[in-house]
Protein backbone atom coordinates (compact mmCIF):
# COMPACT_ATOMS: atom_id res chain seq x y z
CA MET A 1 0.00 0.00 0.00
CA SER A 2 1.42 3.38 -1.04
CA ILE A 3 1.01 6.58 0.95
CA TRP A 4 -0.11 8.26 -2.27
CA GLU A 5 -3.34 6.26 -2.10
CA TYR A 6 -4.50 8.64 0.63
CA ALA A 7 -4.37 11.48 -1.87
CA ASN A 8 -7.71 10.03 -2.93
CA PRO A 9 -10.31 12.04 -0.95
CA VAL A 10 -12.53 8.98 -0.36
CA LYS A 11 -9.67 6.94 1.12
CA PHE A 12 -8.45 9.93 3.13
CA MET A 13 -11.91 10.48 4.62
CA ARG A 14 -12.18 6.81 5.55
CA ALA A 15 -8.71 6.62 7.15
CA SER A 16 -8.93 9.99 8.92
CA GLY A 17 -12.34 9.09 10.31
CA ALA A 18 -10.81 6.03 11.97
CA ILE A 19 -7.80 7.94 13.35
CA LEU A 20 -9.64 11.06 14.54
CA PRO A 21 -11.26 9.72 17.77
CA TRP A 22 -7.93 8.32 18.97
CA ALA A 23 -6.13 11.57 18.13
CA VAL A 24 -8.71 13.62 20.04
CA ALA A 25 -8.56 11.33 23.08
CA GLY A 26 -4.76 11.33 23.08
CA ALA A 27 -4.60 15.10 22.64
CA VAL A 28 -6.93 15.76 25.59
CA ALA A 29 -5.19 13.27 27.88
CA CYS A 30 -1.62 14.28 27.06
CA THR A 31 -2.16 18.04 26.89
CA LEU A 32 -4.16 18.30 30.10
CA GLY A 33 -1.95 15.74 31.82
CA GLY A 34 1.31 17.39 30.75
CA VAL A 35 0.23 20.94 31.62
CA ALA A 36 -1.31 19.90 34.96
CA TRP A 37 1.76 17.82 35.85
CA GLY A 38 4.01 20.71 34.87
CA PHE A 39 2.17 23.25 37.02
CA LEU A 40 2.49 20.92 40.01
CA THR A 41 6.29 20.87 39.71
CA PRO A 42 8.34 22.86 42.26
CA ASP A 43 9.40 26.43 41.52
CA ASP A 44 12.76 26.92 39.85
CA TYR A 45 15.52 28.27 42.12
CA ARG A 46 16.26 31.13 39.70
CA GLN A 47 13.03 31.78 37.78
CA GLY A 48 10.53 30.87 40.47
CA ALA A 49 6.99 29.96 39.39
CA THR A 50 7.38 31.70 36.01
CA VAL A 51 9.34 28.72 34.71
CA LYS A 52 6.08 26.76 34.51
CA ILE A 53 5.07 28.79 31.44
CA VAL A 54 7.55 26.50 29.64
CA PHE A 55 4.87 23.78 29.50
CA LEU A 56 2.79 25.99 27.19
CA HIS A 57 5.46 28.12 25.54
CA VAL A 58 7.83 25.43 24.29
CA PRO A 59 5.17 23.06 22.83
CA ALA A 60 3.41 25.99 21.11
CA ALA A 61 6.68 27.33 19.68
CA MET A 62 7.67 23.84 18.53
CA MET A 63 4.36 23.37 16.74
CA ALA A 64 4.40 26.88 15.23
CA ILE A 65 7.62 26.04 13.39
CA ASN A 66 6.84 22.43 12.52
CA ILE A 67 3.35 23.20 11.22
CA TRP A 68 4.93 25.52 8.67
CA VAL A 69 7.34 22.71 7.73
CA MET A 70 4.34 20.41 7.29
CA MET A 71 2.66 23.06 5.11
CA LEU A 72 5.85 23.29 3.05
CA ALA A 73 5.87 19.51 2.48
CA ALA A 74 2.16 19.51 1.56
CA SER A 75 2.66 22.48 -0.79
CA LEU A 76 5.56 20.77 -2.53
CA ILE A 77 3.44 17.66 -3.01
CA TRP A 78 0.74 19.84 -4.58
CA LEU A 79 3.18 21.72 -6.81
CA ILE A 80 4.89 18.53 -8.00
CA ARG A 81 2.16 15.88 -8.01
CA ARG A 82 -1.04 18.01 -8.02
CA HIS A 83 -2.77 16.08 -5.23
CA HIS A 84 -5.69 18.17 -4.01
CA VAL A 85 -5.77 16.65 -0.52
CA SER A 86 -2.25 17.91 0.15
CA ALA A 87 -3.21 21.47 -0.86
CA LEU A 88 -6.31 21.32 1.33
CA ALA A 89 -4.25 19.96 4.25
CA ALA A 90 -1.82 22.88 3.92
CA ARG A 91 -4.73 25.32 3.92
CA ALA A 92 -6.29 23.57 6.92
CA ALA A 93 -3.03 23.72 8.90
CA ALA A 94 -2.40 27.46 8.48
CA PRO A 95 -4.89 28.83 11.07
CA ILE A 96 -3.71 26.24 13.60
CA GLY A 97 -0.11 27.31 13.04
CA ALA A 98 -1.06 30.98 13.38
CA VAL A 99 -2.74 30.32 16.74
CA MET A 100 0.28 28.32 17.94
CA THR A 101 2.56 31.22 16.96
CA LEU A 102 0.36 33.68 18.86
CA ILE A 103 0.41 31.42 21.93
CA ALA A 104 4.21 31.23 21.72
CA LEU A 105 4.52 35.03 21.39
CA ALA A 106 2.05 35.71 24.21
CA THR A 107 3.51 33.20 26.67
CA GLY A 108 7.00 34.37 25.74
CA ALA A 109 6.04 37.95 26.62
CA ILE A 110 4.50 36.84 29.93
CA TRP A 111 7.60 34.78 30.73
CA GLY A 112 10.01 37.45 29.56
CA GLN A 113 8.59 40.39 31.51
CA PRO A 114 9.76 39.25 34.98
CA MET A 115 12.97 37.76 33.58
CA TRP A 116 14.04 40.54 31.21
CA GLY A 117 12.09 43.48 32.65
CA THR A 118 10.24 44.05 29.36
CA TRP A 119 7.29 42.52 27.52
CA TRP A 120 8.98 42.73 24.14
CA GLU A 121 12.49 43.02 22.77
CA TRP A 122 13.62 43.01 19.14
CA ASP A 123 15.53 39.81 19.84
CA PRO A 124 16.44 37.69 16.76
CA ARG A 125 14.20 34.79 17.75
CA LEU A 126 11.27 36.96 18.85
CA THR A 127 11.47 39.05 15.69
CA SER A 128 11.66 35.99 13.41
CA PHE A 129 8.65 34.52 15.22
CA LEU A 130 6.67 37.71 14.67
CA ILE A 131 7.56 37.61 10.97
CA LEU A 132 6.52 33.94 10.88
CA PHE A 133 3.11 34.93 12.25
CA LEU A 134 2.79 37.58 9.54
CA PHE A 135 3.55 34.90 6.93
CA TYR A 136 0.79 32.73 8.43
CA ALA A 137 -1.61 35.68 8.23
CA GLY A 138 -0.56 36.42 4.64
CA TYR A 139 -0.97 32.76 3.66
CA ILE A 140 -4.51 32.66 5.06
CA ALA A 141 -5.41 35.98 3.42
CA LEU A 142 -4.03 34.86 0.05
CA TRP A 143 -6.13 31.69 0.10
CA SER A 144 -9.23 33.76 0.85
CA ALA A 145 -8.50 36.39 -1.80
CA ILE A 146 -8.28 34.04 -4.81
CA GLU A 147 -11.46 32.41 -6.05
CA ASP A 148 -9.90 29.65 -8.15
CA PRO A 149 -8.68 27.01 -5.64
CA ASP A 150 -5.93 25.64 -7.89
CA SER A 151 -4.47 29.10 -8.49
CA ALA A 152 -4.71 29.82 -4.76
CA ALA A 153 -2.88 26.58 -3.98
CA ASP A 154 -0.14 27.47 -6.47
CA LEU A 155 0.46 30.97 -5.11
CA THR A 156 0.25 29.97 -1.45
CA GLY A 157 2.66 27.12 -2.19
CA VAL A 158 5.21 29.66 -3.44
CA LEU A 159 4.57 31.84 -0.37
CA CYS A 160 5.14 28.79 1.81
CA LEU A 161 8.55 28.24 0.20
CA VAL A 162 9.57 31.83 0.98
CA GLY A 163 8.21 31.69 4.53
CA SER A 164 10.22 28.55 5.26
CA VAL A 165 13.31 30.74 5.59
CA PHE A 166 11.76 32.46 8.60
CA ALA A 167 10.59 29.13 10.04
CA LEU A 168 14.23 28.03 10.05
CA LEU A 169 15.35 31.38 11.48
CA SER A 170 12.78 31.02 14.26
CA ARG A 171 14.32 27.69 15.20
CA TYR A 172 18.00 28.54 14.85
CA ALA A 173 18.13 32.32 15.39
CA VAL A 174 19.95 31.92 18.70
CA LEU A 175 22.69 29.98 16.90
CA PHE A 176 22.97 32.46 14.01
CA TRP A 177 23.25 35.54 16.23
CA ASN A 178 24.95 35.69 19.61
CA GLN A 179 23.16 38.87 20.70
CA GLY A 180 19.65 38.80 22.08
CA LEU A 181 17.92 38.10 25.36
CA HIS A 182 16.30 34.80 24.44
CA GLN A 183 17.90 31.77 26.04
CA GLY A 184 19.12 28.76 24.08
CA ALA A 185 17.10 25.62 23.51
CA SER A 186 15.10 24.48 26.55
CA LEU A 187 15.80 20.86 25.65
CA SER A 188 19.36 19.88 24.83
CA VAL A 189 21.43 16.71 24.67
CA ALA A 190 24.66 18.61 25.37
CA PRO A 191 26.42 17.62 28.62
CA GLY A 192 25.53 19.90 31.51
CA GLU A 193 22.69 21.61 29.60
CA ARG A 194 19.91 19.08 30.10
CA MET A 195 16.77 20.27 31.80
CA SER A 196 16.06 18.67 35.15
CA ALA A 197 13.92 15.54 34.91
CA VAL A 198 11.37 17.21 37.20
CA TYR A 199 10.53 19.57 34.33
CA ARG A 200 11.65 17.49 31.36
CA TYR A 201 9.16 14.62 31.59
CA PRO A 202 5.98 16.71 31.96
CA LEU A 203 7.31 18.89 29.13
CA TYR A 204 7.68 15.81 26.92
CA LEU A 205 4.08 14.86 27.72
CA SER A 206 2.83 18.37 26.97
CA MET A 207 4.72 18.41 23.66
CA LEU A 208 3.14 15.08 22.71
CA GLY A 209 -0.25 16.51 23.63
CA PHE A 210 0.24 19.57 21.41
CA LEU A 211 1.36 17.31 18.55
CA LEU A 212 -1.76 15.15 18.89
CA LEU A 213 -3.90 18.27 19.23
CA PHE A 214 -2.53 19.54 15.95
CA LEU A 215 -3.15 16.16 14.30
CA ALA A 216 -6.75 16.12 15.52
CA LEU A 217 -7.45 19.69 14.43
CA LEU A 218 -5.72 19.10 11.09
CA LEU A 219 -7.86 16.05 10.35
CA ILE A 220 -11.05 17.88 11.34
CA ARG A 221 -10.22 20.93 9.22
CA THR A 222 -9.00 18.91 6.21
CA ARG A 223 -12.16 16.82 6.26
CA THR A 224 -14.16 20.07 6.39
CA GLU A 225 -12.23 21.47 3.41
CA ILE A 226 -12.90 18.30 1.39
CA ARG A 227 -16.61 18.49 2.18
CA ARG A 228 -16.61 22.18 1.24
CA ARG A 229 -14.94 21.37 -2.09
CA ARG A 230 -17.52 18.66 -2.79
CA LEU A 231 -20.39 21.00 -1.91
CA ALA A 232 -19.02 23.71 -4.21
CA ALA A 233 -18.74 21.17 -7.03
CA LEU A 234 -22.35 20.03 -6.51
CA ILE A 235 -23.65 23.60 -6.46
CA ALA A 236 -21.72 24.42 -9.64
CA ARG A 237 -23.14 21.30 -11.34
CA GLU A 238 -26.72 22.18 -10.31
CA THR A 239 -26.47 25.80 -11.47
CA ARG A 240 -24.78 24.93 -14.77
CA PRO A 241 -27.15 25.68 -17.71
């Protein structure tokens, strides 16, 4: 069985319908469990209770970047193989990614104010994240502005390629530029830089929850887009002279 078989809307609807309940259940359990577990952890000796924002901030920031990467992959599939489900999946993912980026920016500001003494700083990572959000907003607006869905998928696919530069900058900005207030990666395999297990394990669970939440929302929205496309086709057929 090839993965390309699920480019068929009928097969995608059947498979996604089977996966969706499990994704929703896993998302609820892991997200609520991870965040609740995280907020029950002891205060950090330097950052105090504010460190617990990490259980929302890091998963949201991780998903904000990786959702754009997923949109890039789906857009490339559309541009190369012209599979409509991939274009609809990219469109369905964009609002979820935009919300994740807003959550990351908002929680970062809340976390940064007591640590840095300011709600906002034109730090390389913060700035690249703001630009990433603007690309999400532009992507959504471009889809809405073009009536022909194939043309919209083509143009938003190109926009997705350009925006991928800022998705990479959002992830690696701290490595590219030494200046800036933002700390390095919260999770690291480097000796002496690993987060304490007290915080690491609930963070892993929260990250898994956000990943499953994205999967559930993506399936719901993609299924909705497919139904919308079918409805538009039926209406066009009925109104055709």
